[in-house]
Structures are given as C-alpha cells and as structure tokens.
Amino acid sequence: MTRMNSGSPEYARDIQAVAARLLAHDGPVVVLAHENPDGDALGSVLGLTRALRAMGREVVAPLEVPRYLRFLPQPGEVAAPLTAWPAGALAAVLDVDNNDPVRVAGADLAAFAGDVVNLDHHGTNLRRSTAGAVDPSKPATTMLVADVIDALGAPWSEAVATPLMLGLKTDTGSFSFDSVSAETFEYAARLRAHGARLGWLGDQMAQNSHSYYLLLREVLGTMEFTHGGRVVLARVDDAMLSRAGATWEDVESYVGLLRSAEGTVLAVMVKDFGDRVKLSLRSRGPVSAQNIAVALGGGGHVPAAGASRSEPYPQVRRDLDAAITAELARVDAQEG
C-alpha cells in the first residue's frame, strides 16, 4: 500500500476544489465516515453537516454513533445506515479513504455512481475522488473540514466549532502527541474563538460506564510485555465482554492506556472475534505503527494504525509478531 505521509503542496487548491464541488451541487449531500467512528470522524461529520445545513443545504448523515460519543449529536441529527442512495446525491467521505468501501460506513459506496469528495489525513489514502484534500501533516481531519467551511463561506457557530474541536482533542491526545504543531494550536484557537466548548468536551469525554471498568479488569489480566519489554499487548474476546456486561465500544480507549506503559514503544490492543481479529496499534518515537499495520493488510498513521484479519488469533499473532520484529529491526538498524 502506498504511504504518503507528508503535507500536500496543493492543499489550498484542493480545499477550494472540494468547496467548489459542494457549492456547485444542488442535490442532497450524504456525509459519511468510517466504521466504528471516533471523535475525529464524528466531529468531522457533525461539523460539515451543521455548516451545510446552516446554508440551507439538504444533508443526510448516516452514522452509528458509539455510546461514549452520544452526548454530542442532537436528536435526529444523524440517520440510520442507508438502504438506497437519494436521487442526485453527492457523497462527502470524511476521515477515511473513499477507495476503501469496506471501511466507509453508513452507505454502500461500492454501489454509488455519483461524485465523491474526500477529506482525510491518512497517509495511506489513494487520493482518488472527484475532488479531495488529503494532508497527513494535519493530526485531525476536522482541521481540513474547518478550512472547507471557511472556503464555503458558511456561518460559524458554537454548534459547528465544538464537534471540530472534538476531533482535534481526540486525535492529538488532548494536544499531547508529537503530531501537534504550532499550526494545530492555531486551528484550536480559531475554533475556540468561534465558541467551541473545550471544557465541556473534556468533562464529557472523561466519563466512562461501569462496564468500562469491569471489562478493564479483565483486559489487564491478559497484558503481555514482549520483544524485550518494548511491546505491550492485551486481548479481549466475547467471553470477557459477557462477564463484564460490556460491549465492544468499551474497548476503544484501552490502547491509549496501554501506550502509557513505561519503557514500551508499541502498544497493541487485540479484539478477538473468534474467526477474525482487529488490531489497534499505537507507537512512539521512530517506531511506526503504520508500517506494522500495512504489513498486516491495514493502514493508518505512523503513531496510530490498525488492521483487520479474517483468521483466528493464533495465526494473526504469528504474523503480528513477525511484523513487529521487522519494524523493530528497521529502527535498530537506523539507530545503530
């Protein structure tokens, strides 16, 4: 898979092209994000949806919001997954490559023949859409959405700025990751000036269900430190969820907790569904979670990536260990 992790030299032109395509379209706009949406995906969808609706545009946002983010959408603001595309629709795909229809949730993009605009910040994006802007140098897709909203001339409000701030907050680890630049704080200042409720977001995001902690007790019991203590790994399966009365949504933030283990450069959270496995990877320093994910058929960012495999965990674990070994060897050779 191609990886292009640098900023786009045509960024300003690309943003204008996306805005122009949205302005030129007089039919409904279907706004989509990836499966299991995180704060950046939800924030991008709500920010663009609210801005377009404020301009009088017809927008459909089919999105299944995870429980921990349900504090943000208003009643009726997002829709159930589409069974058919509206006539004359344009698709706006956010925070995921539109060329990856399996990961695009909410509608069957493979069956869509209309125009597609794409905003994303993943270096593995293939950059094939009617109009698109992809910039991996920006730590959150909501930053691209903010620039499109400016290019549209849409009115700003707290309701638009707050979800965009959510994306910044979640994808930067509350502004603590190395991906944060001076520009990131400039975007945050813009959103704050437009009324983004930063403190309220922090309070809402800090609340976890009881089942979150009961499941965490189970997950911590599976922790392993491998590769000389440089890698921390934990696993969760259906039986553990059942004992804790939890759901898969409760698992989403655990990989960030694992990443805090002293002396580690890679954290791996394994979702074991039995016949298939999903991996969430977080790295630090020169170690690339993206390299490991790509070797396993996935993708993402250098510090945060993931992969899905349709094999039982023992087989996936062998491939995972091999990919980790190769990445650590690459880093060691560079540093040596």
Protein backbone atom coordinates (compact mmCIF):
# COMPACT_ATOMS: atom_id res chain seq x y z
CA MET A 1 0.00 0.00 0.00
CA THR A 2 1.29 3.45 -0.89
CA ARG A 3 2.19 5.69 2.04
CA MET A 4 2.47 9.45 1.53
CA ASN A 5 2.83 10.98 4.98
CA SER A 6 3.95 14.50 4.09
CA GLY A 7 1.73 17.55 3.72
CA SER A 8 0.15 18.30 0.38
CA PRO A 9 1.80 21.14 -1.61
CA GLU A 10 -1.56 21.72 -3.31
CA TYR A 11 -3.52 21.82 -0.08
CA ALA A 12 -5.12 25.25 -0.54
CA ARG A 13 -6.11 24.41 -4.12
CA ASP A 14 -7.55 21.06 -3.04
CA ILE A 15 -9.63 22.65 -0.27
CA GLN A 16 -11.04 25.16 -2.75
CA ALA A 17 -11.86 22.34 -5.17
CA VAL A 18 -13.82 20.44 -2.52
CA ALA A 19 -15.72 23.58 -1.52
CA ALA A 20 -16.46 24.42 -5.17
CA ARG A 21 -17.82 20.94 -5.80
CA LEU A 22 -20.07 21.15 -2.75
CA LEU A 23 -21.31 24.60 -3.75
CA ALA A 24 -22.00 23.51 -7.33
CA HIS A 25 -24.09 20.53 -6.27
CA ASP A 26 -27.77 21.35 -5.84
CA GLY A 27 -28.95 17.93 -4.65
CA PRO A 28 -28.62 16.13 -1.33
CA VAL A 29 -25.20 15.62 0.24
CA VAL A 30 -24.60 12.31 2.02
CA VAL A 31 -21.85 12.73 4.63
CA LEU A 32 -20.03 9.52 5.56
CA ALA A 33 -17.18 8.45 7.83
CA HIS A 34 -15.51 5.18 8.75
CA GLU A 35 -16.87 2.22 10.67
CA ASN A 36 -16.64 2.47 14.47
CA PRO A 37 -16.34 6.26 14.30
CA ASP A 38 -14.01 8.01 16.73
CA GLY A 39 -14.08 11.63 17.81
CA ASP A 40 -12.40 12.86 14.63
CA ALA A 41 -14.86 11.00 12.39
CA LEU A 42 -17.93 12.14 14.33
CA GLY A 43 -16.60 15.67 14.73
CA SER A 44 -15.90 15.94 11.01
CA VAL A 45 -19.35 14.67 10.08
CA LEU A 46 -21.22 16.92 12.50
CA GLY A 47 -19.12 19.98 11.71
CA LEU A 48 -19.63 19.74 7.95
CA THR A 49 -23.26 18.65 8.27
CA ARG A 50 -24.18 21.55 10.54
CA ALA A 51 -22.34 24.07 8.34
CA LEU A 52 -24.07 22.86 5.16
CA ARG A 53 -27.48 22.82 6.83
CA ALA A 54 -26.90 26.38 8.04
CA MET A 55 -26.51 27.27 4.35
CA GLY A 56 -29.89 25.69 3.60
CA ARG A 57 -28.49 22.54 2.05
CA GLU A 58 -30.10 19.10 2.25
CA VAL A 59 -27.77 16.78 4.14
CA VAL A 60 -28.07 13.15 5.21
CA ALA A 61 -25.56 11.88 7.78
CA PRO A 62 -25.96 8.10 8.26
CA LEU A 63 -23.77 7.31 11.23
CA GLU A 64 -23.92 4.82 14.08
CA VAL A 65 -22.56 6.83 17.00
CA PRO A 66 -20.78 4.84 19.72
CA ARG A 67 -22.15 5.20 23.23
CA TYR A 68 -19.24 7.24 24.57
CA LEU A 69 -19.83 9.94 21.93
CA ARG A 70 -23.63 10.09 22.06
CA PHE A 71 -23.50 13.25 24.17
CA LEU A 72 -22.72 15.32 21.06
CA PRO A 73 -25.33 14.73 18.28
CA GLN A 74 -28.73 16.32 18.65
CA PRO A 75 -31.86 14.10 18.36
CA GLY A 76 -32.50 13.24 14.72
CA GLU A 77 -29.24 14.83 13.55
CA VAL A 78 -27.72 11.60 12.26
CA ALA A 79 -29.56 8.87 10.38
CA ALA A 80 -29.55 5.10 10.23
CA PRO A 81 -27.43 3.45 7.51
CA LEU A 82 -28.90 3.98 4.06
CA THR A 83 -30.51 1.12 2.20
CA ALA A 84 -30.61 3.19 -1.01
CA TRP A 85 -28.89 6.35 -2.20
CA PRO A 86 -31.04 9.51 -2.53
CA ALA A 87 -31.59 10.59 -6.11
CA GLY A 88 -28.99 13.07 -7.31
CA ALA A 89 -26.78 12.66 -4.25
CA LEU A 90 -23.17 13.66 -3.80
CA ALA A 91 -21.08 11.72 -1.27
CA ALA A 92 -18.76 13.51 1.15
CA VAL A 93 -16.42 10.92 2.71
CA LEU A 94 -14.54 12.13 5.79
CA ASP A 95 -11.62 10.71 7.78
CA VAL A 96 -11.34 7.60 5.61
CA ASP A 97 -10.26 6.80 2.06
CA ASN A 98 -13.25 6.71 -0.29
CA ASN A 99 -11.43 3.93 -2.17
CA ASP A 100 -11.89 1.64 0.84
CA PRO A 101 -15.66 0.98 0.67
CA VAL A 102 -15.44 -1.81 3.24
CA ARG A 103 -14.38 0.73 5.89
CA VAL A 104 -16.75 3.50 4.77
CA ALA A 105 -19.87 3.10 6.92
CA GLY A 106 -23.42 4.32 6.54
CA ALA A 107 -24.00 3.55 2.86
CA ASP A 108 -22.75 1.17 0.18
CA LEU A 109 -20.15 3.31 -1.53
CA ALA A 110 -19.28 0.49 -3.94
CA ALA A 111 -22.79 0.82 -5.40
CA PHE A 112 -22.60 4.62 -5.76
CA ALA A 113 -22.01 6.10 -9.22
CA GLY A 114 -22.15 9.81 -8.36
CA ASP A 115 -19.49 12.36 -7.46
CA VAL A 116 -17.44 11.91 -4.31
CA VAL A 117 -15.50 14.48 -2.31
CA ASN A 118 -12.97 13.18 0.20
CA LEU A 119 -11.31 14.84 3.20
CA ASP A 120 -8.77 12.73 5.06
CA HIS A 121 -5.44 12.86 6.88
CA HIS A 122 -4.26 9.27 6.50
CA GLY A 123 -1.02 8.74 4.59
CA THR A 124 -2.33 5.51 3.05
CA ASN A 125 -5.17 7.32 1.25
CA LEU A 126 -5.05 6.57 -2.51
CA ARG A 127 -6.22 10.12 -3.35
CA ARG A 128 -8.80 9.18 -5.97
CA SER A 129 -12.04 11.16 -5.75
CA THR A 130 -13.95 13.71 -7.80
CA ALA A 131 -12.46 16.37 -5.52
CA GLY A 132 -10.39 15.73 -2.46
CA ALA A 133 -7.94 17.08 0.07
CA VAL A 134 -5.63 14.69 1.92
CA ASP A 135 -2.99 16.06 4.28
CA PRO A 136 -1.29 13.65 6.71
CA SER A 137 0.65 16.53 8.28
CA LYS A 138 -2.58 17.61 9.97
CA PRO A 139 -3.27 15.49 13.06
CA ALA A 140 -7.08 15.62 12.65
CA THR A 141 -9.44 15.60 9.69
CA THR A 142 -11.54 18.23 11.44
CA MET A 143 -8.78 20.71 10.54
CA LEU A 144 -9.47 20.09 6.86
CA VAL A 145 -13.20 20.39 7.46
CA ALA A 146 -12.65 23.76 9.15
CA ASP A 147 -10.83 25.02 6.06
CA VAL A 148 -13.60 23.77 3.77
CA ILE A 149 -16.19 25.54 5.92
CA ASP A 150 -14.22 28.78 5.52
CA ALA A 151 -13.99 28.20 1.76
CA LEU A 152 -17.75 27.59 1.59
CA GLY A 153 -18.42 30.90 3.33
CA ALA A 154 -20.66 29.05 5.77
CA PRO A 155 -21.61 30.79 9.03
CA TRP A 156 -19.63 29.80 12.09
CA SER A 157 -21.28 28.99 15.41
CA GLU A 158 -20.55 27.12 18.60
CA ALA A 159 -22.55 24.20 17.21
CA VAL A 160 -20.15 23.94 14.26
CA ALA A 161 -16.94 24.64 16.16
CA THR A 162 -17.47 22.25 19.09
CA PRO A 163 -17.52 18.97 17.10
CA LEU A 164 -14.48 20.11 15.14
CA MET A 165 -12.69 20.71 18.44
CA LEU A 166 -13.68 17.19 19.49
CA GLY A 167 -11.71 15.83 16.53
CA LEU A 168 -8.67 17.91 17.44
CA LYS A 169 -8.87 16.85 21.07
CA THR A 170 -9.21 13.13 20.45
CA ASP A 171 -6.72 12.74 17.58
CA THR A 172 -3.99 14.71 19.36
CA GLY A 173 -4.40 13.03 22.75
CA SER A 174 -5.64 16.33 24.15
CA PHE A 175 -2.77 18.12 22.39
CA SER A 176 -0.08 15.84 23.83
CA PHE A 177 1.12 13.87 20.77
CA ASP A 178 4.19 14.69 18.67
CA SER A 179 1.86 15.29 15.71
CA VAL A 180 0.79 18.55 17.35
CA SER A 181 2.39 21.58 15.72
CA ALA A 182 2.09 25.32 16.14
CA GLU A 183 -0.48 25.17 13.35
CA THR A 184 -2.58 22.75 15.41
CA PHE A 185 -2.88 25.30 18.20
CA GLU A 186 -3.77 27.96 15.63
CA TYR A 187 -6.71 25.81 14.50
CA ALA A 188 -7.71 25.24 18.12
CA ALA A 189 -7.61 28.99 18.72
CA ARG A 190 -9.81 29.58 15.68
CA LEU A 191 -12.36 27.05 16.90
CA ARG A 192 -12.25 28.42 20.44
CA ALA A 193 -12.86 31.92 19.07
CA HIS A 194 -15.93 30.54 17.29
CA GLY A 195 -17.26 29.26 20.64
CA ALA A 196 -16.01 25.66 20.80
CA ARG A 197 -16.80 24.24 24.27
CA LEU A 198 -13.41 22.76 25.13
CA GLY A 199 -14.01 22.30 28.87
CA TRP A 200 -17.41 20.70 28.29
CA LEU A 201 -15.89 18.25 25.83
CA GLY A 202 -13.22 17.30 28.35
CA ASP A 203 -15.80 16.66 31.04
CA GLN A 204 -18.00 14.56 28.75
CA MET A 205 -15.08 12.51 27.41
CA ALA A 206 -13.81 11.76 30.92
CA GLN A 207 -16.96 9.83 31.89
CA ASN A 208 -16.94 6.06 31.48
CA SER A 209 -19.62 3.45 32.06
CA HIS A 210 -19.40 0.97 34.93
CA SER A 211 -18.87 -1.83 32.40
CA TYR A 212 -15.79 0.00 31.08
CA TYR A 213 -14.02 -0.58 34.40
CA LEU A 214 -15.29 -4.14 34.85
CA LEU A 215 -14.01 -5.04 31.40
CA LEU A 216 -10.73 -3.21 32.01
CA ARG A 217 -10.10 -5.55 34.95
CA GLU A 218 -10.46 -8.49 32.54
CA VAL A 219 -8.26 -6.90 29.87
CA LEU A 220 -5.43 -6.03 32.25
CA GLY A 221 -5.27 -9.71 33.17
CA THR A 222 -4.23 -10.52 29.58
CA MET A 223 -1.37 -7.99 29.39
CA GLU A 224 1.93 -9.20 27.98
CA PHE A 225 5.26 -7.42 27.65
CA THR A 226 7.11 -8.83 24.66
CA HIS A 227 10.11 -8.11 22.45
CA GLY A 228 12.32 -7.34 25.43
CA GLY A 229 9.66 -5.22 27.11
CA ARG A 230 9.40 -2.85 24.15
CA VAL A 231 5.89 -4.02 23.22
CA VAL A 232 2.80 -4.21 25.42
CA LEU A 233 -0.18 -6.26 24.21
CA ALA A 234 -3.61 -7.07 25.60
CA ARG A 235 -6.56 -9.02 24.21
CA VAL A 236 -10.34 -9.01 24.60
CA ASP A 237 -12.90 -11.55 23.42
CA ASP A 238 -16.66 -12.15 23.63
CA ALA A 239 -16.43 -14.18 26.84
CA MET A 240 -14.71 -11.30 28.63
CA LEU A 241 -17.35 -8.85 27.41
CA SER A 242 -20.10 -11.17 28.63
CA ARG A 243 -18.60 -11.49 32.12
CA ALA A 244 -18.26 -7.70 32.41
CA GLY A 245 -21.64 -6.90 30.87
CA ALA A 246 -19.73 -4.73 28.38
CA THR A 247 -19.80 -4.09 24.65
CA TRP A 248 -17.07 -3.70 22.05
CA GLU A 249 -17.45 0.07 22.36
CA ASP A 250 -15.98 -0.12 25.85
CA VAL A 251 -12.70 -1.34 24.35
CA GLU A 252 -11.94 1.65 22.12
CA SER A 253 -9.80 3.70 24.51
CA TYR A 254 -7.84 0.85 26.10
CA VAL A 255 -4.98 1.00 23.60
CA GLY A 256 -4.21 4.54 24.74
CA LEU A 257 -3.98 3.29 28.31
CA LEU A 258 -1.60 0.51 27.25
CA ARG A 259 0.58 3.05 25.44
CA SER A 260 1.41 4.63 28.82
CA ALA A 261 3.37 1.56 29.96
CA GLU A 262 6.89 2.64 30.87
CA GLY A 263 9.66 1.50 28.53
CA THR A 264 7.39 0.43 25.69
CA VAL A 265 7.47 1.80 22.14
CA LEU A 266 4.42 -0.06 20.81
CA ALA A 267 1.01 -0.86 22.28
CA VAL A 268 -1.30 -3.43 20.70
CA MET A 269 -4.95 -3.96 21.58
CA VAL A 270 -6.37 -7.17 20.13
CA LYS A 271 -10.09 -7.60 19.53
CA ASP A 272 -10.54 -11.34 19.13
CA PHE A 273 -13.88 -12.15 17.47
CA GLY A 274 -13.01 -15.84 17.10
CA ASP A 275 -12.86 -16.22 13.32
CA ARG A 276 -11.41 -12.74 12.79
CA VAL A 277 -9.23 -10.25 14.63
CA LYS A 278 -8.94 -6.47 14.73
CA LEU A 279 -5.72 -4.83 15.88
CA SER A 280 -5.26 -1.31 17.22
CA LEU A 281 -1.66 -0.12 17.28
CA ARG A 282 -0.04 2.91 18.96
CA SER A 283 3.67 3.66 18.73
CA ARG A 284 6.12 6.26 19.93
CA GLY A 285 9.46 7.60 18.74
CA PRO A 286 10.81 6.21 15.47
CA VAL A 287 8.69 3.05 15.64
CA SER A 288 5.93 3.13 13.00
CA ALA A 289 2.58 1.59 13.83
CA GLN A 290 1.72 2.31 10.21
CA ASN A 291 4.48 0.03 8.90
CA ILE A 292 3.26 -2.83 11.06
CA ALA A 293 -0.39 -2.28 10.10
CA VAL A 294 0.40 -2.12 6.38
CA ALA A 295 2.36 -5.39 6.64
CA LEU A 296 -0.81 -6.93 8.05
CA GLY A 297 -3.09 -5.50 5.35
CA GLY A 298 -4.21 -2.42 7.28
CA GLY A 299 -3.23 1.23 7.42
CA GLY A 300 -3.35 4.47 9.35
CA HIS A 301 -0.82 6.94 10.72
CA VAL A 302 2.77 6.46 11.83
CA PRO A 303 1.87 6.70 15.55
CA ALA A 304 -1.64 5.20 15.32
CA ALA A 305 -2.81 2.50 12.94
CA GLY A 306 -4.88 -0.66 12.71
CA ALA A 307 -5.59 -3.80 10.75
CA SER A 308 -8.32 -6.43 10.41
CA ARG A 309 -7.61 -10.08 9.62
CA SER A 310 -10.01 -12.91 8.77
CA GLU A 311 -8.08 -15.62 10.60
CA PRO A 312 -8.10 -16.97 14.16
CA TYR A 313 -5.94 -15.17 16.69
CA PRO A 314 -3.08 -17.71 16.89
CA GLN A 315 -2.36 -17.25 13.18
CA VAL A 316 -2.73 -13.48 13.37
CA ARG A 317 -0.43 -13.40 16.40
CA ARG A 318 2.36 -15.11 14.44
CA ASP A 319 2.05 -12.58 11.62
CA LEU A 320 1.83 -9.71 14.11
CA ASP A 321 4.99 -10.78 15.91
CA ALA A 322 6.81 -11.09 12.59
CA ALA A 323 5.74 -7.60 11.52
CA ILE A 324 6.76 -6.14 14.89
CA THR A 325 10.13 -7.89 14.71
CA ALA A 326 10.76 -6.44 11.25
CA GLU A 327 9.83 -2.91 12.34
CA LEU A 328 11.97 -3.02 15.47
CA ALA A 329 14.89 -4.34 13.40
CA ARG A 330 14.43 -1.43 10.97
CA VAL A 331 14.55 1.07 13.83
CA ASP A 332 17.54 -0.62 15.45
CA ALA A 333 19.46 -0.57 12.15
CA GLN A 334 18.77 3.14 11.70
CA GLU A 335 19.81 3.99 15.25
CA GLY A 336 22.84 1.72 15.11
